[in-house]
Protein backbone atom coordinates (compact mmCIF):
# COMPACT_ATOMS: atom_id res chain seq x y z
CA MET A 1 7.53 22.48 4.12
CA THR A 2 6.65 21.07 0.69
CA ILE A 3 5.01 17.76 -0.07
CA GLU A 4 6.85 15.94 -2.85
CA ILE A 5 4.78 14.85 -5.88
CA VAL A 6 5.87 11.42 -7.14
CA LEU A 7 4.81 10.33 -10.62
CA GLY A 8 3.64 6.76 -11.04
CA LEU A 9 4.82 5.27 -14.35
CA PRO A 10 3.38 2.11 -15.96
CA HIS A 11 6.73 1.04 -17.47
CA LEU A 12 10.33 2.10 -18.10
CA ALA A 13 10.50 1.53 -21.86
CA ASN A 14 12.44 4.12 -23.82
CA GLY A 15 10.01 6.50 -25.43
CA PRO A 16 7.96 9.69 -25.00
CA LEU A 17 6.65 8.81 -21.53
CA LEU A 18 10.03 8.14 -19.95
CA ALA A 19 11.65 11.09 -21.76
CA ARG A 20 8.94 13.46 -20.49
CA ALA A 21 9.29 12.18 -16.93
CA ALA A 22 13.05 12.74 -17.09
CA ALA A 23 12.56 16.26 -18.51
CA LEU A 24 10.19 17.13 -15.65
CA ARG A 25 12.86 16.01 -13.14
CA ALA A 26 10.05 14.40 -11.16
CA PRO A 27 10.64 11.54 -8.72
CA ILE A 28 9.20 8.32 -10.16
CA LEU A 29 7.43 5.30 -8.67
CA ILE A 30 7.05 2.01 -10.50
CA SER A 31 5.24 -1.17 -9.57
CA ALA A 32 7.04 -4.50 -9.40
CA ASN A 33 4.44 -5.75 -11.86
CA CYS A 34 5.82 -3.54 -14.66
CA LEU A 35 9.08 -5.52 -14.39
CA SER A 36 7.35 -8.92 -14.42
CA ARG A 37 7.86 -11.59 -17.03
CA TRP A 38 4.79 -13.67 -17.86
CA ARG A 39 4.19 -16.78 -19.91
CA LYS A 40 1.04 -18.62 -20.92
CA GLY A 41 0.66 -22.08 -19.52
CA ASP A 42 -2.27 -24.38 -18.75
CA GLY A 43 -4.65 -21.79 -20.15
CA TRP A 44 -3.64 -18.80 -18.02
CA ARG A 45 -0.78 -16.36 -17.51
CA GLN A 46 1.93 -17.48 -15.15
CA TRP A 47 4.58 -15.31 -13.57
CA SER A 48 8.07 -16.40 -14.62
CA GLY A 49 10.52 -13.91 -13.12
CA TRP A 50 11.72 -10.35 -13.56
CA ARG A 51 12.65 -8.29 -16.63
CA THR A 52 15.29 -6.03 -15.13
CA GLY A 53 16.80 -4.81 -18.41
CA THR A 54 14.57 -1.73 -18.59
CA LEU A 55 15.93 -0.51 -15.24
CA ALA A 56 18.95 0.72 -17.18
CA HIS A 57 16.64 3.32 -18.79
CA ALA A 58 15.99 4.87 -15.37
CA ARG A 59 19.50 6.26 -14.98
CA GLY A 60 18.42 9.71 -16.16
CA LEU A 61 15.52 10.01 -13.70
CA ALA A 62 15.62 12.20 -10.62
CA SER A 63 14.90 9.17 -8.42
CA LEU A 64 13.11 5.83 -8.67
CA ASP A 65 10.96 4.14 -6.00
CA LEU A 66 9.64 0.56 -6.05
CA ASP A 67 6.16 -0.56 -4.98
CA SER A 68 5.07 -4.15 -4.40
CA ALA A 69 1.85 -3.84 -6.50
CA GLY A 70 -0.38 -5.25 -3.75
CA TYR A 71 -3.70 -3.80 -4.94
CA THR A 72 -3.24 -4.60 -8.62
CA MET A 73 -2.11 -8.16 -7.91
CA MET A 74 -4.95 -8.77 -5.47
CA VAL A 75 -7.61 -7.58 -7.91
CA ARG A 76 -6.16 -9.40 -10.92
CA TYR A 77 -4.73 -12.56 -9.39
CA ARG A 78 -6.20 -12.68 -5.84
CA GLY A 79 -2.72 -12.48 -4.39
CA LEU A 80 0.94 -11.95 -5.23
CA PRO A 81 2.25 -14.34 -7.90
CA TRP A 82 5.80 -13.94 -6.58
CA SER A 83 7.31 -14.64 -3.17
CA ILE A 84 8.71 -12.06 -0.79
CA ALA A 85 12.17 -13.47 -1.51
CA ASP A 86 11.58 -12.86 -5.25
CA TYR A 87 10.43 -9.29 -4.58
CA MET A 88 13.35 -8.42 -2.34
CA THR A 89 15.78 -9.85 -4.88
CA LEU A 90 14.30 -7.38 -7.38
CA ALA A 91 14.60 -4.61 -4.79
CA ALA A 92 18.32 -5.29 -4.44
CA SER A 93 18.92 -5.32 -8.21
CA TYR A 94 18.84 -1.51 -8.59
CA PRO A 95 19.61 1.47 -6.32
CA PHE A 96 15.97 2.38 -5.73
CA ARG A 97 15.51 5.39 -3.48
CA ARG A 98 12.71 3.70 -1.53
CA ILE A 99 11.60 0.08 -1.49
CA SER A 100 8.05 -0.48 -0.27
CA SER A 101 7.24 -3.46 1.90
CA VAL A 102 4.86 -6.08 0.58
CA ASP A 103 1.48 -5.25 2.13
CA TYR A 104 -2.18 -6.29 2.01
CA CYS A 105 -4.51 -3.51 0.91
CA CYS A 106 -7.84 -2.91 2.66
CA GLU A 107 -9.96 -1.23 -0.02
CA HIS A 108 -13.65 -2.22 -0.11
CA LYS A 109 -13.14 -4.04 -3.41
CA VAL A 110 -10.66 -6.40 -1.73
CA ALA A 111 -11.58 -6.53 1.96
CA HIS A 112 -15.35 -6.99 2.10
CA ASP A 113 -15.94 -6.96 5.86
CA ARG A 114 -14.39 -5.86 9.12
CA GLU A 115 -12.84 -9.24 9.91
CA GLU A 116 -11.01 -9.31 6.60
CA VAL A 117 -9.68 -5.79 7.17
CA LEU A 118 -8.23 -6.89 10.51
CA ASP A 119 -6.81 -10.06 8.93
CA ARG A 120 -5.07 -8.01 6.26
CA ILE A 121 -3.60 -5.64 8.84
CA ALA A 122 -2.14 -8.67 10.62
CA ARG A 123 -0.73 -10.09 7.39
CA THR A 124 0.80 -6.71 6.57
CA ALA A 125 2.65 -6.75 9.90
CA ALA A 126 4.09 -10.18 9.11
CA THR A 127 5.21 -9.25 5.59
CA ASN A 128 6.79 -6.02 6.83
CA ARG A 129 8.92 -8.02 9.24
CA GLU A 130 9.95 -10.54 6.59
CA CYS A 131 10.81 -7.83 4.06
CA PHE A 132 12.78 -5.93 6.72
CA ALA A 133 14.77 -9.04 7.63
CA ARG A 134 15.56 -9.78 3.99
CA ALA A 135 16.48 -6.13 3.38
CA GLY A 136 19.05 -6.50 6.16
CA ASP A 137 20.48 -9.64 4.56
CA LEU A 138 20.72 -7.84 1.21
CA GLY A 139 22.26 -4.67 2.64
CA ILE A 140 19.38 -2.41 1.60
CA ARG A 141 17.69 -1.80 4.95
CA GLN A 142 18.23 1.97 4.88
CA ARG A 143 16.15 2.19 1.70
CA PHE A 144 13.33 0.00 3.01
CA MET A 145 9.94 1.72 3.44
CA PRO A 146 7.56 -0.05 5.84
CA VAL A 147 3.88 0.15 4.90
CA ILE A 148 0.88 0.30 7.20
CA GLN A 149 -2.69 -0.54 6.30
CA GLY A 150 -6.24 -0.04 7.47
CA ARG A 151 -9.75 1.16 6.78
CA GLU A 152 -10.50 3.35 9.81
CA PRO A 153 -8.06 5.90 11.26
CA ASP A 154 -7.43 3.76 14.36
CA ASP A 155 -6.55 0.79 12.13
CA TYR A 156 -3.41 2.63 11.07
CA ALA A 157 -2.43 3.11 14.71
CA ARG A 158 -2.81 -0.64 15.24
CA SER A 159 -0.84 -1.39 12.07
CA LEU A 160 1.99 0.98 13.02
CA ASP A 161 2.16 -0.36 16.56
CA SER A 162 2.58 -3.89 15.21
CA ILE A 163 5.75 -2.93 13.28
CA ASP A 164 7.18 -0.43 15.76
CA ALA A 165 10.34 -2.50 16.23
CA ILE A 166 11.35 -2.25 12.56
CA VAL A 167 10.75 1.47 11.99
CA LEU A 168 14.20 3.04 11.76
CA PRO A 169 14.86 6.66 12.79
CA GLY A 170 14.22 9.02 9.88
CA SER A 171 12.12 6.46 7.99
CA VAL A 172 9.44 7.31 5.49
CA ILE A 173 6.41 5.13 6.24
CA GLY A 174 4.05 4.15 3.42
CA ILE A 175 0.33 4.62 4.08
CA GLY A 176 -1.72 2.18 2.04
CA SER A 177 -5.35 2.02 0.84
CA MET A 178 -5.50 5.74 0.05
CA CYS A 179 -6.22 5.87 -3.67
CA ARG A 180 -9.95 5.05 -3.54
CA ARG A 181 -10.62 6.96 -0.34
CA SER A 182 -12.67 10.15 -0.20
CA THR A 183 -11.03 13.28 1.17
CA HIS A 184 -13.68 13.93 3.82
CA GLY A 185 -15.64 11.88 6.34
CA PRO A 186 -14.76 9.76 9.40
CA GLN A 187 -12.85 7.27 7.24
CA GLY A 188 -11.63 9.88 4.77
CA LEU A 189 -8.09 10.79 3.83
CA ILE A 190 -7.88 13.78 6.18
CA ALA A 191 -9.26 11.78 9.13
CA VAL A 192 -6.51 9.19 8.59
CA VAL A 193 -3.78 11.82 8.16
CA GLU A 194 -4.92 13.65 11.28
CA ARG A 195 -4.68 10.38 13.22
CA LEU A 196 -1.18 9.84 11.85
CA THR A 197 -0.02 13.14 13.29
CA HIS A 198 -0.53 11.65 16.76
CA ILE A 199 1.19 8.31 16.15
CA LEU A 200 4.09 8.77 13.73
CA PRO A 201 7.39 8.27 15.55
CA ILE A 202 9.47 11.43 15.99
CA GLY A 203 11.63 12.04 12.93
CA THR A 204 9.51 9.91 10.58
CA LYS A 205 7.20 11.06 7.80
CA ALA A 206 4.49 9.48 5.69
CA HIS A 207 4.22 8.67 2.00
CA LEU A 208 0.57 8.50 0.87
CA PHE A 209 -0.07 6.05 -1.95
CA GLY A 210 -2.41 7.10 -4.75
CA VAL A 211 -3.77 10.37 -3.34
CA LYS A 212 -6.13 12.37 -5.54
CA GLY A 213 -4.64 15.68 -6.65
CA ASP A 214 -7.57 17.79 -5.45
CA ALA A 215 -6.81 16.70 -1.88
CA LEU A 216 -3.46 18.53 -1.82
CA PRO A 217 -4.73 21.85 -0.38
CA TYR A 218 -6.35 19.85 2.46
CA LEU A 219 -3.04 18.09 3.12
CA ALA A 220 -1.10 21.37 3.34
CA PRO A 221 -1.82 21.87 7.08
CA PHE A 222 -0.19 18.47 7.71
CA ALA A 223 2.87 19.01 5.49
CA ARG A 224 5.33 18.60 8.36
CA TRP A 225 4.25 14.96 8.68
CA ILE A 226 4.01 14.13 4.95
CA ALA A 227 7.08 13.44 2.84
CA SER A 228 5.31 12.70 -0.44
CA ILE A 229 2.30 11.45 -2.35
CA ASP A 230 2.12 9.53 -5.60
CA SER A 231 -0.47 8.93 -8.28
CA GLN A 232 -0.93 7.47 -11.73
CA GLY A 233 -4.33 9.12 -12.05
CA TRP A 234 -3.22 10.89 -15.21
CA GLY A 235 -3.26 7.49 -16.94
CA ILE A 236 -6.99 7.12 -16.29
CA ALA A 237 -7.64 10.55 -17.78
CA ALA A 238 -5.58 9.66 -20.87
CA ARG A 239 -7.47 6.38 -21.30
CA ARG A 240 -10.86 8.09 -21.04
CA HIS A 241 -9.79 10.72 -23.55
CA ALA A 242 -8.65 8.06 -26.02
CA LEU A 243 -11.91 6.11 -25.66
CA ARG A 244 -14.05 9.22 -26.00
CA HIS A 245 -12.26 10.32 -29.16
CA ARG A 246 -11.76 6.78 -30.49
CA ILE A 247 -8.02 7.13 -30.77
CA SER A 248 -5.11 5.05 -29.51
CA LYS A 249 -3.76 5.72 -26.04
CA THR A 250 -0.16 6.10 -27.15
CA ASP A 251 2.73 6.99 -24.88
CA ARG A 252 2.96 10.34 -26.63
CA LEU A 253 -0.67 11.11 -25.72
CA ALA A 254 -0.16 9.79 -22.20
CA ALA A 255 2.95 11.95 -21.75
CA ASP A 256 0.92 15.09 -22.44
CA PHE A 257 -1.64 14.11 -19.80
CA MET A 258 1.12 13.17 -17.37
CA GLU A 259 2.88 16.51 -17.71
CA ARG A 260 -0.37 18.44 -17.38
CA TRP A 261 -1.30 16.45 -14.27
CA TYR A 262 2.12 16.92 -12.68
CA ARG A 263 2.22 20.67 -13.28
CA THR A 264 -1.34 21.00 -11.94
CA GLN A 265 -0.36 19.20 -8.73
CA CYS A 266 2.74 21.37 -8.29
CA ALA A 267 0.51 24.44 -8.68
CA ARG A 268 -1.92 23.09 -6.09
CA LEU A 269 0.91 23.00 -3.58
CA LEU A 270 0.96 26.81 -3.82
CA GLU A 271 -2.75 27.21 -3.06
CA PRO A 272 -3.81 28.43 0.39
CA PRO A 273 -4.33 25.55 2.84
CA ARG A 274 -7.87 24.30 3.21
CA PHE A 275 -9.32 22.89 6.40
CA VAL A 276 -11.94 20.21 6.92
CA THR A 277 -14.63 21.73 9.12
CA GLU A 278 -17.34 19.11 8.88
CA ALA A 279 -18.12 17.14 12.01
CA ALA A 280 -17.26 13.46 11.89
CA ASP A 281 -20.23 11.14 11.73
CA ILE A 282 -21.05 9.42 15.00
CA PRO A 283 -20.39 5.71 14.48
CA VAL A 284 -23.35 3.41 14.98
CA ARG A 285 -22.71 0.94 17.79
CA PRO A 286 -23.27 -2.60 16.49
CA PRO A 287 -25.65 -4.89 18.38
CA PRO A 288 -24.03 -7.17 20.98
CA LEU A 289 -22.74 -10.51 19.71
CA ASP A 290 -24.19 -13.78 20.94
CA PRO A 291 -21.77 -16.05 22.91
CA TRP A 292 -20.73 -18.08 19.84
CA GLU A 293 -20.08 -14.95 17.76
CA GLN A 294 -18.06 -13.56 20.68
CA ALA A 295 -15.98 -16.74 20.75
CA ILE A 296 -15.43 -16.57 16.98
CA ALA A 297 -14.37 -12.91 17.25
CA GLN A 298 -11.96 -13.71 20.09
CA ALA A 299 -10.54 -16.67 18.16
CA ARG A 300 -9.91 -14.50 15.11
CA ALA A 301 -8.24 -11.85 17.26
CA GLU A 302 -5.91 -14.40 18.90
CA ILE A 303 -5.06 -15.93 15.52
CA ARG A 304 -4.31 -12.49 14.07
CA ASP A 305 -1.90 -11.82 16.94
CA LEU A 306 0.01 -14.98 16.02
CA ILE A 307 -0.02 -14.05 12.32
CA GLU A 308 1.44 -10.63 13.17
CA THR A 309 4.32 -12.22 15.08
CA GLY A 310 4.96 -14.77 12.32
CA GLU A 311 3.98 -17.79 14.46
CA LEU A 312 1.15 -18.72 12.11
CA ASP A 313 0.79 -18.58 8.33
CA HIS A 314 -2.44 -16.88 7.27
CA ASP A 315 -2.77 -19.10 4.20
CA ALA A 316 -2.94 -22.18 6.44
CA ILE A 317 -5.96 -20.89 8.40
CA THR A 318 -9.32 -22.52 7.61
CA ASP A 319 -12.85 -21.88 8.85
CA ALA A 320 -12.76 -25.23 10.63
CA TRP A 321 -9.59 -24.15 12.46
CA VAL A 322 -11.22 -20.88 13.59
CA GLU A 323 -14.34 -22.72 14.75
CA GLY A 324 -12.26 -25.27 16.66
CA TRP A 325 -10.34 -22.47 18.34
CA ALA A 326 -13.64 -20.74 19.21
CA ALA A 327 -15.03 -23.98 20.64
CA ASP A 328 -12.09 -24.19 23.03
CA ILE A 329 -12.71 -20.57 24.07
CA SER A 330 -16.38 -21.36 24.66
CA HIS A 331 -15.32 -24.14 27.02
CA SER A 332 -12.81 -21.83 28.75
CA ARG A 333 -9.80 -23.78 27.44
CA ARG A 334 -6.99 -21.77 25.87
CA PRO A 335 -6.09 -23.47 22.56
CA GLU A 336 -2.59 -24.69 21.89
CA THR A 337 -1.34 -23.89 18.39
CA PRO A 338 -0.14 -27.45 17.46
CA ARG A 339 -3.61 -28.91 18.09
CA TYR A 340 -5.03 -27.46 14.88
CA VAL A 341 -1.98 -27.73 12.66
CA ALA A 342 -2.64 -30.23 9.86
């Protein structure tokens, strides 16, 4: 079984980059952000819709997948500038092979502590359900790719369990927060993939977002569970080369790096499988929480459950709301949702 290498492209403009991708006959992934229209207003850039004209240039590609750009948008704008309805309208505007769900990444740069990781897993469950429902309305459900999130291997089991009802037979499931993850270690890429082998529904496979190319030989033993990986890492190498040599990072230069990267990854698929033999680190047990911290933790867990089911909107949650919920728990009274709704 062979893992498919998907090339991430920064745009679909006619030129050397797109022509080289077409010549390689490689499957392509683009971010929704590369089709965004922006305007300047009130001193900052504002999103103003989609530029779908360049999608016509993709007709000569082997295939085209769409990603929701969660990490990039979170880092740049602290959230998505478009709604899920906007995104799914874009998804229906072209026969994309796969359409990724909107998700909330859990990289350290975005999710700074354990509570935020769990919050983002809950939000990802809610957005998966909304995207799935809209995909059904738009007649594109068979091309919808649910996405799960996490930091630790067991997080992905929790995330998958929360969307079990919308995973169709034969689905490819996107695995997020991979691109800045090391290959080894208890939270490493292989630890997560190994956990996935025990939880993926029969007949489904995984797509790993942003996997480093040197990890491919370590993924080979798990090829039966992995449909594909993608990366735009070649773009970073092209940018560094241009800066080092004080030249412009043109599409012609980038195309050379892209082709070299793609051919290198294809060659790595032919290398003998490698196995991780290091023992996983023993996790350090945190000190016990005091009663108030326990109440806060329980309140957050109950709120996340309601966010996952769509009964609460994460953006409406405030610290005062969480503390009020925890106060009720401390007094052995189960909170009623309407009590804290503004």
